[in-house]
Amino acid sequence: LDDITNQYGLGLINHLGPHLIALGHFMVLKLALKNYKNYFEAKNTKFFSWQKILQFSLTDRFKVLDMMCDHDSVYYSEKKRRKTYLKVDRSNTSMECNILEYLIHFFNKYQLEIIKTTQDTDFDLHGMMEHKYIKDYFFSFMCKDPKECIIYHTNQFKKEANEENTFPEEPNREISAYNLYLNYYYFMKRYSSYGTKKALYVHLLNLTGLLNYNTRSYVTSLYLPGYYNAVEMSFTEEKEFTNLFENLIQCIEICHLRQTSQSSKGSNFLNDVTKCDLCKGAFLYSNMKFDKVPSMLQKFYVYLTKGLKIQKVSSVMRTLVIYQDYSNFLSHDINWYTFLFLFRLTSFR
């Protein structure tokens, strides 16, 4: 798999998987290296870090990306961006920018899904709230005060199950609610036993930090389920699996007609990646077999039809609890979510 992904310029995706935070971070770094003169010497194109982009509102994230990618077709449509972004001609846009747009789209969906889930709790938020108000509202609910507190020590958190604090409070020392060690400690010790509400509180804590440019939350997000398996939320079309696969095949056929010869690529980090590279690499990645083990494509088909007993991929979104854990039997395969990501990127018509 390493050889295949490196040949088609997809090594970064293969190593990182589809993690919304990690992949976005390194895609922005790759973009910065490729366009260093424009961003930092001539300064004729705006540059934003991935962490900074996520601090913007749902719609402004797309506008910021347009500025970074210097799109000729910058547009602020009255229609929702998620309904139009796939229809705009991005053939002259770098694949890094296309992938970042995809990541923003599904980070937005993940954010809205987390916030929507609060409707089943004792409080609810809405997606259009200012980020500072989301944070204040969350801590007011958990701590009875907008001021930050350690949520694991609050009555609101502990009442979901009878448990003692295993990380005692230190009255003479203030510890940030986003403390790296404390949050990782509770994740390792307790997360697997959390029910829906507690898992939601942990994700909301991290999300409030991300939305308000807290670097510690940026780090904490690397191990939380949700930012990695949110790719499953992208399968929302009322189409059968076979239709999506046909789209991937058509992409390869069109590329074959346009390119009579394809030079072999090395693993150079700065190699340009085209949509054709993406389709060819995704096809090989999806169909690779090892020691008679079914390919990822075969596993996905069996998972849909035999495991979830569904035909249309839109049912995946309604079947899975995205933010909570890695609960399905394929999630322990290190290549599973990477396959979903590549297949999703290349199966849009």
Protein backbone atom coordinates (compact mmCIF):
# COMPACT_ATOMS: atom_id res chain seq x y z
CA LEU A 1 0.00 0.00 0.00
CA ASP A 2 2.89 2.37 0.72
CA ASP A 3 4.27 1.87 -2.79
CA ILE A 4 0.87 2.41 -4.42
CA THR A 5 0.03 5.56 -2.48
CA ASN A 6 3.51 7.04 -2.95
CA GLN A 7 3.39 6.38 -6.69
CA TYR A 8 0.17 8.37 -7.00
CA GLY A 9 1.11 11.10 -4.54
CA LEU A 10 -1.24 9.86 -1.82
CA GLY A 11 1.38 8.87 0.75
CA LEU A 12 0.30 11.63 3.13
CA ILE A 13 -3.28 10.33 3.18
CA ASN A 14 -2.08 6.76 3.61
CA HIS A 15 0.04 7.63 6.65
CA LEU A 16 -2.42 9.98 8.35
CA GLY A 17 -5.76 8.51 7.34
CA PRO A 18 -8.77 10.83 7.03
CA HIS A 19 -8.40 12.51 10.45
CA LEU A 20 -10.05 15.92 9.97
CA ILE A 21 -7.52 17.76 12.13
CA ALA A 22 -4.26 15.96 11.33
CA LEU A 23 -4.82 15.64 7.58
CA GLY A 24 -5.99 19.24 7.29
CA HIS A 25 -2.91 20.42 9.21
CA PHE A 26 -0.46 18.65 6.93
CA MET A 27 -2.36 19.54 3.75
CA VAL A 28 -2.05 23.21 4.71
CA LEU A 29 1.67 22.71 5.38
CA LYS A 30 2.07 21.07 1.98
CA LEU A 31 0.24 23.99 0.39
CA ALA A 32 2.52 26.42 2.25
CA LEU A 33 5.65 24.68 0.94
CA LYS A 34 4.39 24.58 -2.64
CA ASN A 35 3.35 28.25 -2.62
CA TYR A 36 5.97 29.62 -0.23
CA LYS A 37 6.89 32.60 -2.43
CA ASN A 38 3.28 33.68 -2.91
CA TYR A 39 2.37 33.30 0.76
CA PHE A 40 5.46 34.54 2.57
CA GLU A 41 7.73 36.46 0.17
CA ALA A 42 5.54 38.24 -2.38
CA LYS A 43 2.62 38.02 0.06
CA ASN A 44 0.13 38.35 -2.78
CA THR A 45 -1.95 35.45 -1.47
CA LYS A 46 -3.39 35.14 2.02
CA PHE A 47 -2.23 32.27 4.22
CA PHE A 48 -4.05 30.79 7.22
CA SER A 49 -3.06 27.84 9.38
CA TRP A 50 -5.52 24.95 9.63
CA GLN A 51 -6.06 25.76 13.29
CA LYS A 52 -6.92 29.35 12.35
CA ILE A 53 -9.30 28.25 9.58
CA LEU A 54 -11.30 26.15 12.05
CA GLN A 55 -11.72 29.20 14.28
CA PHE A 56 -13.86 30.87 11.61
CA SER A 57 -17.60 30.32 11.24
CA LEU A 58 -19.08 27.50 9.16
CA THR A 59 -19.41 29.63 6.02
CA ASP A 60 -16.33 31.81 6.50
CA ARG A 61 -14.07 28.74 6.47
CA PHE A 62 -14.87 28.32 2.78
CA LYS A 63 -14.21 32.01 2.08
CA VAL A 64 -10.84 31.80 3.81
CA LEU A 65 -9.92 28.76 1.74
CA ASP A 66 -10.92 30.61 -1.43
CA MET A 67 -8.48 33.38 -0.49
CA MET A 68 -5.70 30.88 0.25
CA CYS A 69 -6.20 28.97 -2.97
CA ASP A 70 -6.58 32.12 -5.07
CA HIS A 71 -9.60 30.71 -6.86
CA ASP A 72 -10.56 32.47 -10.07
CA SER A 73 -14.15 31.48 -9.40
CA VAL A 74 -14.53 32.84 -5.88
CA TYR A 75 -18.22 32.96 -5.21
CA TYR A 76 -20.48 33.61 -2.28
CA SER A 77 -23.65 31.98 -3.47
CA GLU A 78 -27.03 32.41 -1.83
CA LYS A 79 -27.20 28.63 -1.88
CA LYS A 80 -25.51 26.68 0.85
CA ARG A 81 -21.91 25.88 -0.02
CA ARG A 82 -22.42 22.18 0.65
CA LYS A 83 -24.97 22.12 -2.18
CA THR A 84 -22.76 23.91 -4.69
CA TYR A 85 -19.11 23.15 -4.00
CA LEU A 86 -19.11 19.89 -5.97
CA LYS A 87 -20.62 21.58 -9.02
CA VAL A 88 -17.99 24.30 -9.41
CA ASP A 89 -15.18 23.71 -11.87
CA ARG A 90 -12.06 23.18 -9.78
CA SER A 91 -9.97 21.62 -12.56
CA ASN A 92 -7.34 24.35 -12.27
CA THR A 93 -7.24 24.19 -8.48
CA SER A 94 -4.60 22.15 -6.68
CA MET A 95 -5.74 18.82 -5.27
CA GLU A 96 -4.60 20.01 -1.83
CA CYS A 97 -7.16 22.81 -2.00
CA ASN A 98 -9.86 20.40 -3.18
CA ILE A 99 -9.10 18.03 -0.31
CA LEU A 100 -9.10 20.91 2.18
CA GLU A 101 -12.50 22.01 0.90
CA TYR A 102 -13.74 18.49 1.40
CA LEU A 103 -12.31 18.41 4.95
CA ILE A 104 -13.95 21.74 5.80
CA HIS A 105 -17.25 20.48 4.47
CA PHE A 106 -17.21 17.44 6.72
CA PHE A 107 -15.73 19.20 9.73
CA ASN A 108 -18.76 21.49 9.45
CA LYS A 109 -21.03 18.46 9.30
CA TYR A 110 -19.29 16.92 12.29
CA GLN A 111 -19.62 20.17 14.27
CA LEU A 112 -23.33 20.42 13.48
CA GLU A 113 -23.86 16.75 14.31
CA ILE A 114 -22.28 17.18 17.75
CA ILE A 115 -24.32 20.30 18.44
CA LYS A 116 -27.51 18.68 17.13
CA THR A 117 -27.00 15.76 19.51
CA THR A 118 -27.33 18.12 22.49
CA GLN A 119 -31.05 18.23 21.74
CA ASP A 120 -31.26 14.86 23.48
CA THR A 121 -29.67 16.26 26.65
CA ASP A 122 -30.80 18.80 29.22
CA PHE A 123 -29.48 21.69 27.17
CA ASP A 124 -29.15 22.43 23.48
CA LEU A 125 -27.05 24.62 21.26
CA HIS A 126 -27.47 25.68 17.66
CA GLY A 127 -24.90 25.75 14.93
CA MET A 128 -25.06 29.45 14.15
CA MET A 129 -24.09 30.60 17.65
CA GLU A 130 -20.89 32.62 18.04
CA HIS A 131 -18.06 30.33 19.08
CA LYS A 132 -17.46 32.20 22.33
CA TYR A 133 -21.12 31.78 23.26
CA ILE A 134 -20.97 28.05 22.54
CA LYS A 135 -18.05 27.80 24.94
CA ASP A 136 -19.70 29.96 27.63
CA TYR A 137 -22.98 28.08 27.28
CA PHE A 138 -21.22 24.74 27.62
CA PHE A 139 -19.32 25.69 30.77
CA SER A 140 -22.37 27.40 32.26
CA PHE A 141 -24.22 24.12 31.88
CA MET A 142 -21.42 21.88 33.13
CA CYS A 143 -19.93 24.12 35.83
CA LYS A 144 -22.89 26.39 36.70
CA ASP A 145 -20.56 29.23 35.73
CA PRO A 146 -19.22 30.48 32.36
CA LYS A 147 -15.74 30.24 33.85
CA GLU A 148 -13.83 27.12 32.82
CA CYS A 149 -13.79 24.14 35.15
CA ILE A 150 -12.69 20.51 35.06
CA ILE A 151 -15.84 18.91 33.66
CA TYR A 152 -14.94 15.46 35.02
CA HIS A 153 -15.30 16.84 38.56
CA THR A 154 -18.72 18.41 38.03
CA ASN A 155 -21.99 17.02 39.33
CA GLN A 156 -23.43 17.26 35.83
CA PHE A 157 -20.78 14.87 34.51
CA LYS A 158 -20.66 12.51 37.48
CA LYS A 159 -24.42 12.11 37.79
CA GLU A 160 -24.47 10.12 34.54
CA ALA A 161 -22.90 7.25 36.53
CA ASN A 162 -21.73 6.74 40.08
CA GLU A 163 -17.98 7.10 40.02
CA GLU A 164 -15.26 8.64 42.12
CA ASN A 165 -12.70 11.12 40.88
CA THR A 166 -9.53 9.25 40.00
CA PHE A 167 -7.72 12.51 39.29
CA PRO A 168 -8.23 14.52 42.52
CA GLU A 169 -8.65 18.26 42.45
CA GLU A 170 -5.74 20.35 43.65
CA PRO A 171 -7.25 23.36 45.44
CA ASN A 172 -4.05 25.39 45.42
CA ARG A 173 -3.40 24.98 41.74
CA GLU A 174 -5.55 26.06 38.81
CA ILE A 175 -5.69 23.50 36.03
CA SER A 176 -7.08 24.41 32.62
CA ALA A 177 -10.17 22.56 31.44
CA TYR A 178 -8.15 21.77 28.29
CA ASN A 179 -5.10 20.43 30.15
CA LEU A 180 -3.43 17.83 27.92
CA TYR A 181 -2.42 15.39 30.60
CA LEU A 182 -5.71 15.50 32.47
CA ASN A 183 -7.86 14.96 29.39
CA TYR A 184 -5.69 12.17 28.06
CA TYR A 185 -5.68 10.55 31.52
CA TYR A 186 -9.48 10.40 31.62
CA PHE A 187 -9.66 9.30 28.01
CA MET A 188 -7.37 6.33 28.65
CA LYS A 189 -8.95 5.40 31.99
CA ARG A 190 -12.65 5.94 31.38
CA TYR A 191 -13.66 6.80 27.81
CA SER A 192 -14.44 3.24 26.75
CA SER A 193 -17.00 2.99 29.56
CA TYR A 194 -18.73 6.32 28.88
CA GLY A 195 -22.32 6.37 27.71
CA THR A 196 -23.65 8.69 25.03
CA LYS A 197 -23.96 11.79 27.22
CA LYS A 198 -20.49 11.60 28.73
CA ALA A 199 -18.90 10.97 25.34
CA LEU A 200 -20.83 13.97 24.03
CA TYR A 201 -19.57 16.19 26.86
CA VAL A 202 -15.96 15.19 26.13
CA HIS A 203 -16.37 16.00 22.45
CA LEU A 204 -18.10 19.29 23.19
CA LEU A 205 -15.26 20.26 25.50
CA ASN A 206 -12.74 19.64 22.75
CA LEU A 207 -14.89 21.33 20.11
CA THR A 208 -15.24 24.51 22.21
CA GLY A 209 -11.45 24.65 22.42
CA LEU A 210 -10.98 24.16 18.68
CA LEU A 211 -13.54 26.82 17.82
CA ASN A 212 -11.84 29.30 20.14
CA TYR A 213 -8.27 28.66 18.95
CA ASN A 214 -7.06 26.66 21.93
CA THR A 215 -3.87 24.86 20.93
CA ARG A 216 -4.29 22.17 23.59
CA SER A 217 -7.63 21.15 22.07
CA TYR A 218 -5.92 21.01 18.69
CA VAL A 219 -3.58 18.38 20.16
CA THR A 220 -6.28 16.54 22.14
CA SER A 221 -8.37 16.11 19.00
CA LEU A 222 -5.75 13.72 17.61
CA TYR A 223 -6.97 10.79 19.69
CA LEU A 224 -10.69 11.48 20.03
CA PRO A 225 -13.00 9.30 17.92
CA GLY A 226 -15.07 11.43 15.60
CA TYR A 227 -12.45 13.53 13.87
CA TYR A 228 -11.20 10.30 12.32
CA ASN A 229 -14.38 8.38 11.59
CA ALA A 230 -16.45 11.41 10.58
CA VAL A 231 -15.75 10.37 7.00
CA GLU A 232 -18.67 7.94 7.43
CA MET A 233 -20.98 10.96 7.54
CA SER A 234 -20.10 11.72 3.92
CA PHE A 235 -22.04 8.73 2.59
CA THR A 236 -25.39 10.49 2.45
CA GLU A 237 -26.50 9.95 -1.14
CA GLU A 238 -29.64 8.03 -2.01
CA LYS A 239 -27.58 5.76 -4.24
CA GLU A 240 -26.49 2.18 -4.10
CA PHE A 241 -22.90 1.15 -3.60
CA THR A 242 -22.60 -0.01 -7.22
CA ASN A 243 -23.45 3.49 -8.48
CA LEU A 244 -20.58 4.99 -6.52
CA PHE A 245 -18.16 2.38 -7.80
CA GLU A 246 -19.26 3.11 -11.38
CA ASN A 247 -18.41 6.78 -10.81
CA LEU A 248 -14.88 5.80 -9.79
CA ILE A 249 -14.49 3.62 -12.90
CA GLN A 250 -15.73 6.46 -15.12
CA CYS A 251 -13.14 8.79 -13.59
CA ILE A 252 -10.37 6.35 -14.52
CA GLU A 253 -11.74 5.82 -18.04
CA ILE A 254 -11.87 9.55 -18.71
CA CYS A 255 -8.33 9.97 -17.42
CA HIS A 256 -7.14 7.12 -19.64
CA LEU A 257 -8.59 8.81 -22.71
CA ARG A 258 -6.96 12.14 -21.83
CA GLN A 259 -3.57 10.76 -20.91
CA THR A 260 -1.99 8.39 -23.39
CA SER A 261 1.04 7.97 -21.18
CA GLN A 262 1.49 8.46 -17.45
CA SER A 263 4.96 9.05 -16.11
CA SER A 264 5.79 7.19 -12.93
CA LYS A 265 5.81 9.40 -9.88
CA GLY A 266 8.27 9.18 -7.04
CA SER A 267 7.45 9.84 -3.42
CA ASN A 268 8.44 13.52 -3.61
CA PHE A 269 6.36 15.36 -1.03
CA LEU A 270 5.81 18.31 -3.38
CA ASN A 271 4.61 16.34 -6.40
CA ASP A 272 1.38 17.73 -7.80
CA VAL A 273 -1.53 15.36 -7.31
CA THR A 274 -4.28 15.38 -9.93
CA LYS A 275 -7.80 14.01 -9.88
CA CYS A 276 -6.56 11.23 -12.16
CA ASP A 277 -3.86 10.29 -9.67
CA LEU A 278 -6.48 10.27 -6.95
CA CYS A 279 -8.86 8.00 -8.89
CA LYS A 280 -6.19 5.55 -10.01
CA GLY A 281 -4.58 5.40 -6.58
CA ALA A 282 -7.94 4.98 -4.85
CA PHE A 283 -8.93 2.17 -7.21
CA LEU A 284 -5.73 0.20 -6.58
CA TYR A 285 -5.86 0.89 -2.84
CA SER A 286 -9.48 -0.29 -2.65
CA ASN A 287 -8.92 -3.49 -4.61
CA MET A 288 -5.61 -4.64 -3.16
CA LYS A 289 -5.71 -8.10 -1.55
CA PHE A 290 -3.25 -9.71 0.85
CA ASP A 291 -3.03 -13.45 1.53
CA LYS A 292 -6.53 -14.13 0.21
CA VAL A 293 -8.02 -11.53 2.57
CA PRO A 294 -10.90 -9.64 0.86
CA SER A 295 -10.11 -6.19 -0.50
CA MET A 296 -11.42 -3.07 1.22
CA LEU A 297 -13.99 -2.66 -1.52
CA GLN A 298 -15.28 -6.18 -0.92
CA LYS A 299 -15.32 -5.62 2.84
CA PHE A 300 -17.33 -2.42 2.39
CA TYR A 301 -19.88 -4.15 0.19
CA VAL A 302 -20.28 -7.02 2.67
CA TYR A 303 -20.47 -4.56 5.57
CA LEU A 304 -23.32 -2.65 3.91
CA THR A 305 -25.34 -5.58 2.60
CA LYS A 306 -24.68 -8.25 5.25
CA GLY A 307 -23.67 -6.29 8.34
CA LEU A 308 -25.94 -3.23 8.24
CA LYS A 309 -28.35 -4.92 5.79
CA ILE A 310 -28.75 -1.82 3.68
CA GLN A 311 -28.40 -1.08 -0.03
CA LYS A 312 -28.26 2.71 -0.24
CA VAL A 313 -25.20 4.35 1.27
CA SER A 314 -27.34 7.12 2.78
CA SER A 315 -28.43 4.62 5.40
CA VAL A 316 -24.88 4.53 6.82
CA MET A 317 -25.39 7.97 8.33
CA ARG A 318 -28.64 6.92 9.98
CA THR A 319 -27.18 3.67 11.33
CA LEU A 320 -23.91 4.68 12.98
CA VAL A 321 -23.12 6.73 16.08
CA ILE A 322 -20.34 8.74 14.50
CA TYR A 323 -18.89 10.74 17.36
CA GLN A 324 -19.00 8.11 20.09
CA ASP A 325 -16.51 5.34 19.38
CA TYR A 326 -14.98 2.98 16.85
CA SER A 327 -17.78 0.49 17.26
CA ASN A 328 -18.09 -1.42 13.98
CA PHE A 329 -16.07 -4.54 13.34
CA LEU A 330 -14.02 -2.93 10.55
CA SER A 331 -12.90 0.08 12.55
CA HIS A 332 -9.95 -1.85 13.97
CA ASP A 333 -8.50 -2.26 10.48
CA ILE A 334 -5.95 0.53 10.16
CA ASN A 335 -6.82 1.01 6.48
CA TRP A 336 -10.61 1.07 6.84
CA TYR A 337 -11.20 4.81 7.23
CA THR A 338 -8.48 5.65 4.72
CA PHE A 339 -10.32 3.52 2.18
CA LEU A 340 -13.61 5.26 2.98
CA PHE A 341 -11.94 8.64 2.54
CA LEU A 342 -10.35 7.82 -0.83
CA PHE A 343 -13.49 6.09 -2.08
CA ARG A 344 -15.63 9.05 -1.07
CA LEU A 345 -13.33 11.58 -2.72
CA THR A 346 -13.38 9.71 -6.01
CA SER A 347 -16.95 8.44 -6.19
CA PHE A 348 -18.65 11.84 -6.47
CA ARG A 349 -19.93 12.35 -9.97
